[in-house]
Amino acid sequence: MKQLFAALAALALTAACSNAPETPEAATEFAAANDLTSAPEAEPEAESRPTEYALIGQKLPAFKAPMADGAAFDSASLNRWTVIAVWGAWCGDSRADGPYAEALLRAVAADPDLDFVTLHVPQNAERATPEDMFGKHGSLDAYFESVGYTLPVILDTDASLRNALKISWTPTYLVVSPDGIVRSFRTDLSVDKDQPVKTFIKDIARLRGEVRDAATLVISPAGAGGLGPDTPFTVAAVEKALPGHMVIPVTDPATGTVRFEVRAKGSQAARLIVEPDWSRGYVASVRSRDPAVRGPKGEVIGQARLGDLSDDNRALCSPSEPGWLVCPDPVSAGAFARVYKVDGGDASDPAAILAELRYVAPAR
């Protein structure tokens, strides 16, 4: 019987840190009925931890929520580089990460341009009662008193924030830049045995430098960064034109054609998509949906609006497909265009948001 309880506790801890329903039911009932904070920690299988995150390169979803200290939190207040640690006291991995998160808080406090906050989430909407989240402690304050440290905590009381942020594993650490873009993520610090907090801080510093360098990347009628009509369509040539980036060849399974995805180092999101002119072996076009890439007038993808264009420019706009409006540049119509997302089918809506920038190399 003792071995059975140990196995069930280990199984519950292994499954508990994702948002999937726990199985079997016996393990769920055991976990809910007992205080898992005192149970032996089980190390989940490495392959169960996610290696990708859906919101990399995208705006952090806007949200408001209460904090554990009674203050109100608004994600719009994030105006510096910020680490958001998503965790749950119900999760064995989160509890194992707690001391590392507290050390990370102290490390971040030494950097005036870096903030740290945590988001406490339930496993899912069905497991959102205090009993599910805090066991015998009954509250977050009591839990922190028992472990001997505290953290700044945003409260997700119904898994709505967990779902909005597409969190599939706890703990998850998000790194958000001052423009609100999710730049990187990682899971458990505790599984790294060699100075994980110090390594994470170094990774953030490197990421900040890369984003700072990439912020000057512009798509215009002249090209994209150092890419232009005379850039050979080779990995080496594109890397030379865009220092500090990775160039990843990607094959379309339907057509067999190859394009390049240009990514910031350490990111899985495409910053630029580069297409070839195979008749010449040179770059034919470049497009981007990354807010870190700017238009020739400094316009920001996801923020600039159709109404910002001049009347002459707007007169050139035409629908490319339902919901999308392509607006060629009035000076270099063949070489550069802005693409807007049109909601509701009104192609003249001045509030339509810039969704993409495109450069097309002139014919030679």
Protein backbone atom coordinates (compact mmCIF):
# COMPACT_ATOMS: atom_id res chain seq x y z
CA MET A 1 0.00 0.00 0.00
CA LYS A 2 2.85 2.42 0.82
CA GLN A 3 4.36 1.76 -2.62
CA LEU A 4 0.98 2.38 -4.27
CA PHE A 5 0.59 5.77 -2.57
CA ALA A 6 4.15 6.75 -3.56
CA ALA A 7 3.47 5.81 -7.16
CA LEU A 8 0.21 7.75 -7.23
CA ALA A 9 1.87 10.83 -5.72
CA ALA A 10 4.66 10.69 -8.27
CA LEU A 11 2.16 10.29 -11.10
CA ALA A 12 0.12 13.24 -9.88
CA LEU A 13 3.19 15.44 -9.65
CA THR A 14 4.37 14.36 -13.09
CA ALA A 15 1.06 15.24 -14.75
CA ALA A 16 0.11 18.19 -12.59
CA CYS A 17 2.28 20.84 -14.19
CA SER A 18 0.62 20.86 -17.59
CA ASN A 19 -2.96 22.02 -18.06
CA ALA A 20 -4.14 18.63 -19.27
CA PRO A 21 -6.60 16.66 -17.13
CA GLU A 22 -4.81 14.34 -14.73
CA THR A 23 -5.05 10.58 -15.14
CA PRO A 24 -5.80 8.15 -13.73
CA GLU A 25 -8.64 9.36 -11.51
CA ALA A 26 -7.08 7.77 -8.45
CA ALA A 27 -4.02 10.00 -8.80
CA THR A 28 -6.23 13.08 -9.15
CA GLU A 29 -8.21 12.24 -6.05
CA PHE A 30 -5.05 11.54 -4.08
CA ALA A 31 -3.47 14.84 -5.15
CA ALA A 32 -6.59 16.84 -4.32
CA ALA A 33 -7.10 15.21 -0.93
CA ASN A 34 -3.53 15.56 0.31
CA ASP A 35 -1.04 18.34 0.79
CA LEU A 36 1.39 17.79 -2.08
CA THR A 37 3.73 20.46 -0.77
CA SER A 38 5.11 17.86 1.61
CA ALA A 39 5.09 14.95 -0.84
CA PRO A 40 8.33 13.73 -2.42
CA GLU A 41 9.05 15.73 -5.56
CA ALA A 42 8.91 13.75 -8.80
CA GLU A 43 10.89 14.93 -11.78
CA PRO A 44 8.61 15.02 -14.86
CA GLU A 45 9.86 13.44 -18.04
CA ALA A 46 11.89 15.96 -20.03
CA GLU A 47 9.93 15.33 -23.23
CA SER A 48 6.72 16.53 -21.55
CA ARG A 49 8.04 20.08 -21.25
CA PRO A 50 7.22 22.31 -24.24
CA THR A 51 10.08 23.48 -26.45
CA GLU A 52 8.02 26.08 -28.33
CA TYR A 53 5.61 28.82 -27.28
CA ALA A 54 2.76 30.07 -29.43
CA LEU A 55 3.14 33.80 -28.67
CA ILE A 56 6.84 34.25 -29.46
CA GLY A 57 7.19 37.38 -31.61
CA GLN A 58 3.62 38.47 -30.85
CA LYS A 59 2.09 41.10 -28.62
CA LEU A 60 1.45 39.95 -25.08
CA PRO A 61 -2.36 39.75 -24.78
CA ALA A 62 -3.65 42.72 -22.81
CA PHE A 63 -5.09 41.86 -19.40
CA LYS A 64 -6.03 43.30 -16.03
CA ALA A 65 -6.08 41.32 -12.80
CA PRO A 66 -5.79 41.70 -9.02
CA MET A 67 -2.48 41.19 -7.26
CA ALA A 68 -1.99 39.23 -4.07
CA ASP A 69 -1.18 42.44 -2.16
CA GLY A 70 -4.53 43.99 -3.15
CA ALA A 71 -3.18 46.24 -5.92
CA ALA A 72 -4.60 46.18 -9.43
CA PHE A 73 -2.36 45.05 -12.28
CA ASP A 74 -2.68 46.27 -15.88
CA SER A 75 -0.40 44.78 -18.53
CA ALA A 76 -0.41 48.19 -20.23
CA SER A 77 1.88 49.36 -17.41
CA LEU A 78 4.73 47.14 -18.66
CA ASN A 79 7.12 49.69 -20.17
CA ARG A 80 10.46 48.02 -19.49
CA TRP A 81 11.90 44.62 -20.24
CA THR A 82 9.91 42.28 -17.99
CA VAL A 83 10.16 38.67 -16.84
CA ILE A 84 6.74 37.14 -16.15
CA ALA A 85 7.04 33.92 -14.17
CA VAL A 86 3.90 31.81 -14.57
CA TRP A 87 3.51 29.25 -11.79
CA GLY A 88 1.15 27.50 -9.39
CA ALA A 89 1.61 26.47 -5.78
CA TRP A 90 -0.26 23.25 -6.65
CA CYS A 91 2.53 22.24 -9.06
CA GLY A 92 5.57 20.30 -7.86
CA ASP A 93 7.81 21.84 -10.52
CA SER A 94 6.72 25.34 -9.52
CA ARG A 95 7.47 24.62 -5.88
CA ALA A 96 10.89 23.27 -6.83
CA ASP A 97 11.48 26.47 -8.83
CA GLY A 98 10.38 28.76 -6.01
CA PRO A 99 13.84 29.44 -4.52
CA TYR A 100 15.20 30.07 -8.02
CA ALA A 101 12.35 32.47 -8.77
CA GLU A 102 13.13 34.34 -5.54
CA ALA A 103 16.81 34.52 -6.55
CA LEU A 104 15.75 35.75 -9.98
CA LEU A 105 13.67 38.48 -8.33
CA ARG A 106 16.75 39.68 -6.44
CA ALA A 107 18.92 39.58 -9.59
CA VAL A 108 16.36 41.56 -11.58
CA ALA A 109 16.11 44.17 -8.80
CA ALA A 110 19.73 45.10 -9.53
CA ASP A 111 18.84 46.15 -13.10
CA PRO A 112 16.80 49.39 -13.31
CA ASP A 113 15.68 48.53 -16.86
CA LEU A 114 14.35 45.07 -16.03
CA ASP A 115 11.18 44.16 -14.10
CA PHE A 116 9.91 40.93 -12.60
CA VAL A 117 6.41 39.78 -11.72
CA THR A 118 4.77 36.39 -11.29
CA LEU A 119 1.39 35.12 -12.39
CA HIS A 120 -0.21 32.43 -10.22
CA VAL A 121 -2.50 30.23 -12.29
CA PRO A 122 -4.67 27.19 -11.59
CA GLN A 123 -4.08 23.98 -13.50
CA ASN A 124 -7.27 24.61 -15.48
CA ALA A 125 -10.71 26.15 -15.00
CA GLU A 126 -12.01 22.99 -13.32
CA ARG A 127 -9.21 23.06 -10.70
CA ALA A 128 -9.46 26.69 -9.58
CA THR A 129 -10.70 26.44 -5.98
CA PRO A 130 -8.41 27.42 -3.07
CA GLU A 131 -8.32 23.74 -2.08
CA ASP A 132 -7.03 22.82 -5.54
CA MET A 133 -4.45 25.60 -5.64
CA PHE A 134 -3.22 25.87 -2.05
CA GLY A 135 -4.10 22.60 -0.30
CA LYS A 136 -3.99 22.77 3.50
CA HIS A 137 -2.49 26.30 3.39
CA GLY A 138 -5.74 27.75 2.07
CA SER A 139 -4.14 30.92 0.70
CA LEU A 140 -1.08 32.26 -1.06
CA ASP A 141 0.00 34.26 2.02
CA ALA A 142 -0.04 31.11 4.13
CA TYR A 143 1.87 29.23 1.47
CA PHE A 144 4.62 31.87 1.32
CA GLU A 145 4.84 31.91 5.10
CA SER A 146 5.45 28.17 5.05
CA VAL A 147 8.26 28.34 2.46
CA GLY A 148 9.99 31.40 3.89
CA TYR A 149 10.04 33.73 0.89
CA THR A 150 7.57 35.85 -1.07
CA LEU A 151 7.10 37.01 -4.65
CA PRO A 152 5.07 39.74 -6.39
CA VAL A 153 2.00 37.84 -7.62
CA ILE A 154 -0.76 38.53 -10.13
CA LEU A 155 -3.75 36.27 -9.47
CA ASP A 156 -5.51 34.23 -12.13
CA THR A 157 -8.53 32.88 -10.29
CA ASP A 158 -10.27 31.03 -13.12
CA ALA A 159 -7.56 30.03 -15.68
CA SER A 160 -8.69 32.80 -18.04
CA LEU A 161 -5.24 34.41 -18.02
CA ARG A 162 -3.56 31.02 -18.38
CA ASN A 163 -5.68 30.42 -21.48
CA ALA A 164 -5.20 33.92 -22.91
CA LEU A 165 -1.42 33.61 -22.56
CA LYS A 166 -1.51 30.05 -24.00
CA ILE A 167 0.37 28.56 -21.06
CA SER A 168 0.67 24.79 -21.37
CA TRP A 169 3.25 24.20 -18.61
CA THR A 170 4.09 25.57 -15.20
CA PRO A 171 6.50 27.01 -14.43
CA THR A 172 6.93 29.07 -17.61
CA TYR A 173 9.02 32.23 -17.80
CA LEU A 174 8.14 34.84 -20.44
CA VAL A 175 10.49 37.67 -21.43
CA VAL A 176 8.61 40.69 -22.76
CA SER A 177 10.26 43.71 -24.39
CA PRO A 178 9.17 47.32 -23.70
CA ASP A 179 7.04 47.33 -26.88
CA GLY A 180 4.95 44.50 -25.43
CA ILE A 181 6.34 41.73 -27.65
CA VAL A 182 6.98 38.29 -26.15
CA ARG A 183 10.63 37.76 -27.08
CA SER A 184 11.46 34.43 -25.44
CA PHE A 185 10.29 31.81 -23.01
CA ARG A 186 11.64 28.93 -21.00
CA THR A 187 10.37 26.40 -18.47
CA ASP A 188 11.81 25.18 -15.16
CA LEU A 189 14.98 26.81 -13.86
CA SER A 190 15.44 24.02 -11.33
CA VAL A 191 16.23 21.41 -14.00
CA ASP A 192 19.40 23.31 -14.97
CA LYS A 193 22.10 22.30 -12.52
CA ASP A 194 24.73 24.94 -13.36
CA GLN A 195 23.80 28.45 -12.14
CA PRO A 196 20.41 28.64 -13.89
CA VAL A 197 19.54 32.14 -12.62
CA LYS A 198 22.87 33.59 -13.70
CA THR A 199 22.55 31.89 -17.09
CA PHE A 200 18.98 33.17 -17.54
CA ILE A 201 20.04 36.74 -16.75
CA LYS A 202 22.85 36.45 -19.32
CA ASP A 203 20.38 35.11 -21.89
CA ILE A 204 18.09 38.09 -21.27
CA ALA A 205 21.00 40.52 -21.66
CA ARG A 206 21.95 38.90 -24.97
CA LEU A 207 18.34 39.03 -26.15
CA ARG A 208 18.06 42.71 -25.26
CA GLY A 209 21.15 43.46 -27.34
CA GLU A 210 19.80 41.53 -30.32
CA VAL A 211 16.43 43.27 -30.20
CA ARG A 212 18.13 46.64 -29.81
CA ASP A 213 20.22 45.94 -32.91
CA ALA A 214 17.24 44.60 -34.83
CA ALA A 215 15.08 47.61 -33.99
CA THR A 216 16.83 49.49 -36.79
CA LEU A 217 15.77 46.87 -39.37
CA VAL A 218 13.60 48.68 -41.94
CA ILE A 219 11.66 47.49 -44.98
CA SER A 220 11.38 50.25 -47.57
CA PRO A 221 11.44 50.75 -51.36
CA ALA A 222 15.22 50.36 -51.13
CA GLY A 223 15.08 46.88 -49.61
CA ALA A 224 15.11 45.29 -46.17
CA GLY A 225 18.12 45.91 -43.98
CA GLY A 226 21.05 45.09 -46.23
CA LEU A 227 18.90 43.00 -48.59
CA GLY A 228 18.30 44.35 -52.08
CA PRO A 229 17.98 43.32 -55.72
CA ASP A 230 21.68 42.45 -55.92
CA THR A 231 21.67 40.10 -52.92
CA PRO A 232 22.27 36.47 -54.00
CA PHE A 233 19.68 34.05 -52.66
CA THR A 234 22.12 32.12 -50.49
CA VAL A 235 22.29 31.64 -46.74
CA ALA A 236 25.74 33.25 -46.58
CA ALA A 237 24.70 36.35 -48.54
CA VAL A 238 21.53 36.91 -46.51
CA GLU A 239 23.39 36.40 -43.22
CA LYS A 240 25.97 38.97 -44.33
CA ALA A 241 23.20 41.45 -45.18
CA LEU A 242 21.48 40.90 -41.81
CA PRO A 243 24.15 40.48 -39.11
CA GLY A 244 22.96 39.15 -35.80
CA HIS A 245 20.22 37.01 -37.36
CA MET A 246 19.80 33.35 -38.23
CA VAL A 247 18.80 32.35 -41.78
CA ILE A 248 16.75 29.14 -41.93
CA PRO A 249 15.87 27.51 -45.30
CA VAL A 250 12.26 26.27 -45.30
CA THR A 251 10.72 24.09 -48.03
CA ASP A 252 7.03 24.36 -48.91
CA PRO A 253 5.82 20.73 -48.83
CA ALA A 254 3.08 21.47 -51.37
CA THR A 255 5.25 23.09 -54.06
CA GLY A 256 8.79 22.09 -53.13
CA THR A 257 9.92 25.72 -53.34
CA VAL A 258 12.42 27.08 -50.84
CA ARG A 259 12.29 30.34 -48.91
CA PHE A 260 14.38 31.73 -46.07
CA GLU A 261 13.07 32.56 -42.62
CA VAL A 262 15.23 35.21 -40.97
CA ARG A 263 15.02 34.95 -37.17
CA ALA A 264 16.53 36.77 -34.24
CA LYS A 265 19.05 34.50 -32.56
CA GLY A 266 17.35 32.25 -30.03
CA SER A 267 13.87 32.87 -31.49
CA GLN A 268 11.61 30.48 -33.36
CA ALA A 269 9.61 33.32 -34.94
CA ALA A 270 10.32 34.58 -38.44
CA ARG A 271 11.34 38.23 -38.49
CA LEU A 272 11.55 38.31 -42.29
CA ILE A 273 10.42 35.93 -45.05
CA VAL A 274 12.77 36.04 -48.05
CA GLU A 275 11.65 34.65 -51.43
CA PRO A 276 13.96 33.92 -54.40
CA ASP A 277 14.01 34.90 -58.04
CA TRP A 278 15.23 31.56 -59.38
CA SER A 279 15.73 32.93 -62.89
CA ARG A 280 18.59 35.03 -61.51
CA GLY A 281 19.39 33.32 -58.21
CA TYR A 282 18.86 36.55 -56.30
CA VAL A 283 16.46 37.82 -53.65
CA ALA A 284 13.07 38.57 -55.19
CA SER A 285 10.98 39.75 -52.25
CA VAL A 286 10.99 40.26 -48.49
CA ARG A 287 8.03 40.54 -46.16
CA SER A 288 7.57 40.88 -42.42
CA ARG A 289 4.85 40.75 -39.78
CA ASP A 290 7.24 41.35 -36.86
CA PRO A 291 6.64 44.59 -34.91
CA ALA A 292 10.41 44.88 -34.41
CA VAL A 293 10.71 45.66 -38.14
CA ARG A 294 9.85 49.23 -39.13
CA GLY A 295 8.48 50.83 -42.27
CA PRO A 296 10.27 53.70 -44.04
CA LYS A 297 8.41 56.30 -41.96
CA GLY A 298 8.97 54.44 -38.70
CA GLU A 299 5.55 52.81 -38.79
CA VAL A 300 5.08 49.80 -36.51
CA ILE A 301 3.33 46.62 -37.56
CA GLY A 302 0.35 46.04 -35.33
CA GLN A 303 0.06 49.73 -34.42
CA ALA A 304 0.06 51.93 -37.54
CA ARG A 305 -3.36 52.54 -39.10
CA LEU A 306 -4.68 52.96 -42.62
CA GLY A 307 -5.79 56.46 -41.69
CA ASP A 308 -2.13 57.43 -41.23
CA LEU A 309 -1.57 57.21 -45.01
CA SER A 310 -2.00 60.19 -47.31
CA ASP A 311 -5.08 60.36 -49.54
CA ASP A 312 -2.89 59.72 -52.59
CA ASN A 313 -1.47 56.60 -50.99
CA ARG A 314 -4.87 55.31 -49.90
CA ALA A 315 -6.18 55.77 -53.43
CA LEU A 316 -3.76 53.05 -54.56
CA CYS A 317 -5.01 50.47 -52.04
CA SER A 318 -6.90 47.41 -53.27
CA PRO A 319 -8.15 44.17 -51.65
CA SER A 320 -5.89 41.19 -52.23
CA GLU A 321 -8.21 38.68 -50.57
CA PRO A 322 -11.08 38.93 -48.09
CA GLY A 323 -9.95 40.85 -45.03
CA TRP A 324 -6.66 42.14 -46.49
CA LEU A 325 -5.85 45.44 -48.17
CA VAL A 326 -2.61 46.03 -50.10
CA CYS A 327 -1.42 49.63 -50.39
CA PRO A 328 1.51 50.15 -52.81
CA ASP A 329 3.82 53.05 -52.13
CA PRO A 330 2.95 56.03 -54.37
CA VAL A 331 6.62 56.69 -55.21
CA SER A 332 7.77 53.11 -55.64
CA ALA A 333 4.54 51.19 -56.19
CA GLY A 334 6.27 48.16 -57.65
CA ALA A 335 8.90 47.88 -54.96
CA PHE A 336 7.14 48.48 -51.66
CA ALA A 337 3.68 47.99 -50.17
CA ARG A 338 1.93 48.09 -46.82
CA VAL A 339 -0.70 45.45 -46.07
CA TYR A 340 -3.60 46.13 -43.69
CA LYS A 341 -5.97 43.77 -41.90
CA VAL A 342 -9.51 44.90 -42.58
CA ASP A 343 -12.22 43.77 -40.18
CA GLY A 344 -15.83 43.71 -41.25
CA GLY A 345 -15.05 44.04 -44.95
CA ASP A 346 -14.80 47.86 -44.93
CA ALA A 347 -11.71 48.50 -47.04
CA SER A 348 -11.90 52.24 -46.34
CA ASP A 349 -11.87 51.90 -42.56
CA PRO A 350 -9.14 54.31 -41.34
CA ALA A 351 -8.75 52.18 -38.19
CA ALA A 352 -7.51 49.16 -40.18
CA ILE A 353 -4.22 47.99 -38.66
CA LEU A 354 -0.92 47.55 -40.51
CA ALA A 355 -0.25 43.80 -40.61
CA GLU A 356 2.64 43.37 -43.04
CA LEU A 357 5.39 45.20 -44.90
CA ARG A 358 6.53 44.00 -48.34
CA TYR A 359 9.52 44.70 -50.53
CA VAL A 360 9.69 43.42 -54.14
CA ALA A 361 13.01 43.67 -55.99
CA PRO A 362 12.72 45.59 -59.29
CA ALA A 363 12.88 43.46 -62.42
CA ARG A 364 16.34 43.30 -64.02
